[in-house]
Protein backbone atom coordinates (compact mmCIF):
# COMPACT_ATOMS: atom_id res chain seq x y z
CA UNK A 1 -16.08 92.71 50.65
CA UNK A 2 -17.89 92.48 54.07
CA UNK A 3 -16.54 92.77 57.74
CA UNK A 4 -16.90 90.54 60.46
CA UNK A 5 -20.54 90.93 60.99
CA UNK A 6 -21.68 90.56 57.38
CA UNK A 7 -21.91 94.35 56.18
CA UNK A 8 -19.63 96.02 53.67
CA UNK A 9 -16.38 97.41 55.14
CA UNK A 10 -15.24 100.58 54.78
CA UNK A 11 -12.74 99.68 51.84
CA UNK A 12 -15.30 98.09 49.96
CA UNK A 13 -17.73 101.09 50.07
CA UNK A 14 -15.04 103.51 49.03
CA UNK A 15 -13.83 101.07 46.57
CA UNK A 16 -10.32 101.33 48.18
CA UNK A 17 -7.61 98.63 47.32
CA UNK A 18 -6.41 97.82 50.97
CA UNK A 19 -2.56 97.36 51.63
CA UNK A 20 -1.38 94.34 52.91
CA UNK A 21 2.17 93.58 54.52
CA UNK A 22 3.33 90.11 53.56
CA UNK A 23 6.15 88.56 56.03
CA UNK A 24 7.78 85.28 54.60
CA UNK A 25 11.22 83.59 54.84
CA UNK A 26 12.74 85.07 51.73
CA UNK A 27 15.39 82.44 51.32
CA UNK A 28 12.67 79.58 51.40
CA UNK A 29 9.41 80.84 50.41
CA UNK A 30 9.96 83.61 47.97
CA UNK A 31 8.05 81.57 45.28
CA UNK A 32 4.81 81.34 47.34
CA UNK A 33 5.01 85.31 48.00
CA UNK A 34 5.39 85.66 44.09
CA UNK A 35 2.25 83.61 43.80
CA UNK A 36 0.23 85.47 46.74
CA UNK A 37 1.30 88.84 44.93
CA UNK A 38 0.04 87.40 41.30
CA UNK A 39 -3.09 85.61 43.09
CA UNK A 40 -4.21 88.93 45.02
CA UNK A 41 -2.87 91.60 42.70
CA UNK A 42 -6.06 93.05 41.51
CA UNK A 43 -7.88 93.00 44.96
CA UNK A 44 -4.67 94.43 47.21
CA UNK A 45 -1.90 96.59 47.22
CA UNK A 46 0.65 94.03 48.29
CA UNK A 47 3.44 95.42 50.54
CA UNK A 48 6.83 93.37 50.25
CA UNK A 49 9.58 94.32 52.61
CA UNK A 50 12.07 92.85 49.78
CA UNK A 51 14.06 91.10 52.48
CA UNK A 52 14.50 93.58 55.44
CA UNK A 53 17.80 92.15 56.32
CA UNK A 54 19.13 93.69 53.14
CA UNK A 55 17.17 96.69 52.89
CA UNK A 56 17.94 97.88 56.15
CA UNK A 57 21.76 97.53 56.74
CA UNK A 58 21.97 98.29 60.37
CA UNK A 59 22.86 96.18 63.63
CA UNK A 60 20.81 98.64 65.62
CA UNK A 61 17.78 96.67 66.59
CA UNK A 62 15.67 99.63 67.53
CA UNK A 63 16.48 101.55 64.55
CA UNK A 64 15.61 98.37 62.54
CA UNK A 65 12.24 97.88 64.46
CA UNK A 66 11.34 101.68 63.89
CA UNK A 67 12.41 101.10 60.05
CA UNK A 68 9.81 98.01 59.70
CA UNK A 69 7.29 100.06 61.62
CA UNK A 70 7.33 103.12 59.57
CA UNK A 71 8.44 101.69 56.25
CA UNK A 72 6.19 98.50 56.10
CA UNK A 73 3.82 97.84 58.47
CA UNK A 74 2.38 101.57 58.64
CA UNK A 75 -0.14 101.90 56.01
CA UNK A 76 -1.17 98.57 55.88
CA UNK A 77 -4.37 97.36 57.14
CA UNK A 78 -2.77 94.03 58.20
CA UNK A 79 0.00 91.59 58.13
CA UNK A 80 -0.15 88.34 56.56
CA UNK A 81 2.71 85.95 57.78
CA UNK A 82 3.17 83.18 55.19
CA UNK A 83 4.11 80.26 57.38
CA UNK A 84 6.74 77.87 55.27
CA UNK A 85 8.99 75.18 56.69
CA UNK A 86 11.49 77.62 58.27
CA UNK A 87 9.51 80.57 58.68
CA UNK A 88 9.22 79.97 62.53
CA UNK A 89 13.02 80.70 63.24
CA UNK A 90 13.60 83.72 60.89
CA UNK A 91 14.25 86.74 63.13
CA UNK A 92 13.07 89.31 61.03
CA UNK A 93 9.59 87.52 60.40
CA UNK A 94 9.29 87.59 64.48
CA UNK A 95 10.35 91.31 64.07
CA UNK A 96 7.60 92.14 61.66
CA UNK A 97 5.07 90.46 63.73
CA UNK A 98 6.14 92.35 66.42
CA UNK A 99 5.91 95.69 64.78
CA UNK A 100 2.63 94.74 63.64
CA UNK A 101 1.40 93.93 67.05
CA UNK A 102 3.20 97.51 68.19
CA UNK A 103 0.71 99.14 65.79
CA UNK A 104 -2.19 97.18 66.72
CA UNK A 105 -3.10 95.87 63.08
CA UNK A 106 -4.53 92.58 62.33
CA UNK A 107 -2.47 89.54 62.00
CA UNK A 108 -3.44 86.49 59.47
CA UNK A 109 -1.06 83.28 59.63
CA UNK A 110 -1.13 81.35 56.55
CA UNK A 111 0.29 77.75 56.48
CA UNK A 112 1.83 76.91 53.24
CA UNK A 113 2.25 73.35 51.93
CA UNK A 114 6.05 73.41 52.40
CA UNK A 115 5.06 73.62 56.13
CA UNK A 116 5.73 70.13 57.79
CA UNK A 117 3.20 68.66 60.57
CA UNK A 118 4.28 68.78 64.01
CA UNK A 119 2.23 67.68 66.83
CA UNK A 120 -1.17 67.64 65.03
CA UNK A 121 -0.43 71.33 64.01
CA UNK A 122 2.42 73.10 62.03
CA UNK A 123 5.50 75.27 62.48
CA UNK A 124 4.85 78.93 63.31
CA UNK A 125 6.47 81.80 64.76
CA UNK A 126 6.06 81.72 68.23
CA UNK A 127 4.70 85.00 68.66
CA UNK A 128 2.20 84.30 65.69
CA UNK A 129 0.97 80.96 67.74
CA UNK A 130 0.85 83.43 71.27
CA UNK A 131 -1.65 85.57 69.31
CA UNK A 132 -3.68 82.39 67.57
CA UNK A 133 -3.89 81.19 71.08
CA UNK A 134 -5.04 84.66 72.58
CA UNK A 135 -7.72 85.03 69.64
CA UNK A 136 -5.98 88.16 68.21
CA UNK A 137 -4.41 86.38 65.32
CA UNK A 138 -6.57 84.52 62.48
CA UNK A 139 -5.00 81.26 61.02
CA UNK A 140 -5.96 79.90 57.69
CA UNK A 141 -4.22 77.58 54.90
CA UNK A 142 -3.06 78.32 51.52
CA UNK A 143 -5.52 76.24 49.60
CA UNK A 144 -8.29 77.98 51.70
CA UNK A 145 -7.29 81.50 50.80
CA UNK A 146 -6.50 80.80 47.22
CA UNK A 147 -9.46 78.25 46.52
CA UNK A 148 -12.11 80.73 47.06
CA UNK A 149 -11.45 84.77 46.39
CA UNK A 150 -14.14 85.43 49.04
CA UNK A 151 -11.88 83.82 51.63
CA UNK A 152 -8.94 86.31 52.35
CA UNK A 153 -11.37 89.94 52.19
CA UNK A 154 -13.10 87.92 55.31
CA UNK A 155 -9.92 86.94 56.97
CA UNK A 156 -8.77 90.52 56.65
CA UNK A 157 -11.99 92.23 58.12
CA UNK A 158 -12.26 89.70 60.98
CA UNK A 159 -8.25 90.21 61.72
CA UNK A 160 -9.04 94.09 61.77
CA UNK A 161 -11.99 93.57 64.11
CA UNK A 162 -10.21 91.52 66.51
CA UNK A 163 -10.47 92.86 70.34
CA UNK A 164 -6.66 94.57 70.91
CA UNK A 165 -6.86 93.68 74.43
CA UNK A 166 -6.32 90.12 73.11
CA UNK A 167 -2.65 91.23 71.79
CA UNK A 168 0.46 88.96 73.33
CA UNK A 169 3.68 90.56 72.47
CA UNK A 170 5.77 90.10 75.58
CA UNK A 171 8.15 87.66 74.22
CA UNK A 172 12.10 88.97 73.88
CA UNK A 173 12.64 89.39 70.03
CA UNK A 174 14.41 86.75 68.39
CA UNK A 175 18.23 87.93 68.20
CA UNK A 176 19.24 85.31 65.39
CA UNK A 177 17.79 83.04 62.74
CA UNK A 178 17.53 79.10 64.37
C-alpha cells in the first residue's frame, strides 16, 4: 500500500489493518455495504454504525453527534460514504460526514450503481459535494474500487493526505430525512 506520493504508507510499513468507517443509507443500501465489507474484509477493519438512529436512542442532537464522533469516527483512518439513490437525503449520513470533518479525517465518496445520473453527475449529500468541490474529499465509482484491489488503498492514502484547510463544514446539519 503506497501513499499519495508513491511511498509505502505507515499502515503498510507496520502491516496494520486500517479501520474505515462506512456511512450509507441503511434502508436502501445495506446490500452494498455488505458487499463492501465482504470484498474488503481481508484488507480493512470495516466499522459499521449498525444504524446510528437505532444504536443511539436520543433526540439530543449534540449528544448524538458526540456519540458518532466517539464511537464510530474516532479510531478510523477515514470515512467512506456509499452514495446510492437516497443517500443524499439521509440526516445521519450528513451527521456522520460532519463528524468526520470535525475530526479532520479523510473523506471518500463512492457512487453506487443504484445512484441516478443527475445533470451529468449523481446525487450526493450536499456536505460531501462541498468537500469534493473544495478538493478535500475524494470521489470514486463502485466499479473502480471493487475492480482493482490497489485502488481503494490509494484513495485512502490520498484522502488522508489532503490539506485540512480545504475542509468545508459550514452547512447547517440536516434535521430530518428528505
